[in-house]
Amino acid sequence: MLRNGLEPWHLLIVAIVVIVLFGSKKLPEAARGLGKSMRILKSEAKAMQADGDRAAAPAKDEAARP
């Protein structure tokens, strides 16, 4: 049914619809906001991973002690 779901012409149609709906003046602002939120999400994910690594390290040390 959807073997070739996203062909180039599908993406072109989606791009045209987005431009018509949001207008060319709002698109750069929306892209900036999306980029900023992606950077925040990425930094928060790294911070959570680092916190998890720090929390797991002492547990391993305590388990090794008799």
C-alpha atoms as a PDB file:
ATOM      1  CA  MET A   1       0.000   0.000   0.000  1.00  0.00           C
ATOM      2  CA  LEU A   2       2.625   2.595   1.014  1.00  0.00           C
ATOM      3  CA  ARG A   3       5.790   1.083  -0.398  1.00  0.00           C
ATOM      4  CA  ASN A   4       7.083   4.376  -1.754  1.00  0.00           C
ATOM      5  CA  GLY A   5       5.519   6.674   0.830  1.00  0.00           C
ATOM      6  CA  LEU A   6       7.726   9.735   0.409  1.00  0.00           C
ATOM      7  CA  GLU A   7       8.701  10.429  -3.130  1.00  0.00           C
ATOM      8  CA  PRO A   8      10.245  13.769  -4.146  1.00  0.00           C
ATOM      9  CA  TRP A   9       7.019  15.119  -5.576  1.00  0.00           C
ATOM     10  CA  HIS A  10       5.218  14.371  -2.297  1.00  0.00           C
ATOM     11  CA  LEU A  11       7.752  16.497  -0.431  1.00  0.00           C
ATOM     12  CA  LEU A  12       7.341  19.281  -2.995  1.00  0.00           C
ATOM     13  CA  ILE A  13       3.576  19.305  -2.494  1.00  0.00           C
ATOM     14  CA  VAL A  14       3.982  19.366   1.294  1.00  0.00           C
ATOM     15  CA  ALA A  15       6.435  22.278   1.012  1.00  0.00           C
ATOM     16  CA  ILE A  16       4.026  24.242  -1.197  1.00  0.00           C
ATOM     17  CA  VAL A  17       1.130  23.635   1.211  1.00  0.00           C
ATOM     18  CA  VAL A  18       3.243  24.789   4.181  1.00  0.00           C
ATOM     19  CA  ILE A  19       4.275  27.958   2.352  1.00  0.00           C
ATOM     20  CA  VAL A  20       0.677  28.721   1.392  1.00  0.00           C
ATOM     21  CA  LEU A  21      -0.651  28.076   4.909  1.00  0.00           C
ATOM     22  CA  PHE A  22       1.976  29.901   6.928  1.00  0.00           C
ATOM     23  CA  GLY A  23       3.200  32.462   4.435  1.00  0.00           C
ATOM     24  CA  SER A  24       6.773  33.189   3.490  1.00  0.00           C
ATOM     25  CA  LYS A  25       7.191  35.849   6.204  1.00  0.00           C
ATOM     26  CA  LYS A  26       6.440  33.489   9.100  1.00  0.00           C
ATOM     27  CA  LEU A  27       8.577  30.553   7.905  1.00  0.00           C
ATOM     28  CA  PRO A  28      12.019  31.912   8.957  1.00  0.00           C
ATOM     29  CA  GLU A  29      10.664  32.758  12.407  1.00  0.00           C
ATOM     30  CA  ALA A  30       9.154  29.286  12.745  1.00  0.00           C
ATOM     31  CA  ALA A  31      12.399  27.653  11.598  1.00  0.00           C
ATOM     32  CA  ARG A  32      14.390  29.682  14.147  1.00  0.00           C
ATOM     33  CA  GLY A  33      12.011  28.654  16.917  1.00  0.00           C
ATOM     34  CA  LEU A  34      12.190  25.021  15.871  1.00  0.00           C
ATOM     35  CA  GLY A  35      15.984  25.108  15.770  1.00  0.00           C
ATOM     36  CA  LYS A  36      16.161  26.732  19.192  1.00  0.00           C
ATOM     37  CA  SER A  37      13.829  24.142  20.702  1.00  0.00           C
ATOM     38  CA  MET A  38      15.821  21.306  19.101  1.00  0.00           C
ATOM     39  CA  ARG A  39      19.043  22.660  20.653  1.00  0.00           C
ATOM     40  CA  ILE A  40      17.366  22.888  24.062  1.00  0.00           C
ATOM     41  CA  LEU A  41      16.010  19.352  23.743  1.00  0.00           C
ATOM     42  CA  LYS A  42      19.418  18.029  22.735  1.00  0.00           C
ATOM     43  CA  SER A  43      21.207  19.731  25.625  1.00  0.00           C
ATOM     44  CA  GLU A  44      18.594  18.515  28.121  1.00  0.00           C
ATOM     45  CA  ALA A  45      18.899  14.950  26.820  1.00  0.00           C
ATOM     46  CA  LYS A  46      22.693  15.095  27.209  1.00  0.00           C
ATOM     47  CA  ALA A  47      22.316  16.484  30.741  1.00  0.00           C
ATOM     48  CA  MET A  48      19.895  13.707  31.686  1.00  0.00           C
ATOM     49  CA  GLN A  49      22.252  11.099  30.263  1.00  0.00           C
ATOM     50  CA  ALA A  50      25.192  12.587  32.191  1.00  0.00           C
ATOM     51  CA  ASP A  51      23.115  12.619  35.399  1.00  0.00           C
ATOM     52  CA  GLY A  52      22.205   8.983  34.815  1.00  0.00           C
ATOM     53  CA  ASP A  53      25.847   8.049  34.263  1.00  0.00           C
ATOM     54  CA  ARG A  54      26.878   9.838  37.472  1.00  0.00           C
ATOM     55  CA  ALA A  55      24.102   8.142  39.449  1.00  0.00           C
ATOM     56  CA  ALA A  56      25.011   4.692  38.091  1.00  0.00           C
ATOM     57  CA  ALA A  57      28.760   5.018  38.811  1.00  0.00           C
ATOM     58  CA  PRO A  58      28.534   5.102  42.659  1.00  0.00           C
ATOM     59  CA  ALA A  59      26.084   2.188  42.628  1.00  0.00           C
ATOM     60  CA  LYS A  60      28.662   0.048  40.817  1.00  0.00           C
ATOM     61  CA  ASP A  61      31.391   1.027  43.320  1.00  0.00           C
ATOM     62  CA  GLU A  62      29.192   0.203  46.313  1.00  0.00           C
ATOM     63  CA  ALA A  63      28.245  -3.173  44.842  1.00  0.00           C
ATOM     64  CA  ALA A  64      31.920  -4.073  44.389  1.00  0.00           C
ATOM     65  CA  ARG A  65      32.720  -3.479  48.065  1.00  0.00           C
ATOM     66  CA  PRO A  66      32.117  -6.489  50.351  1.00  0.00           C
END
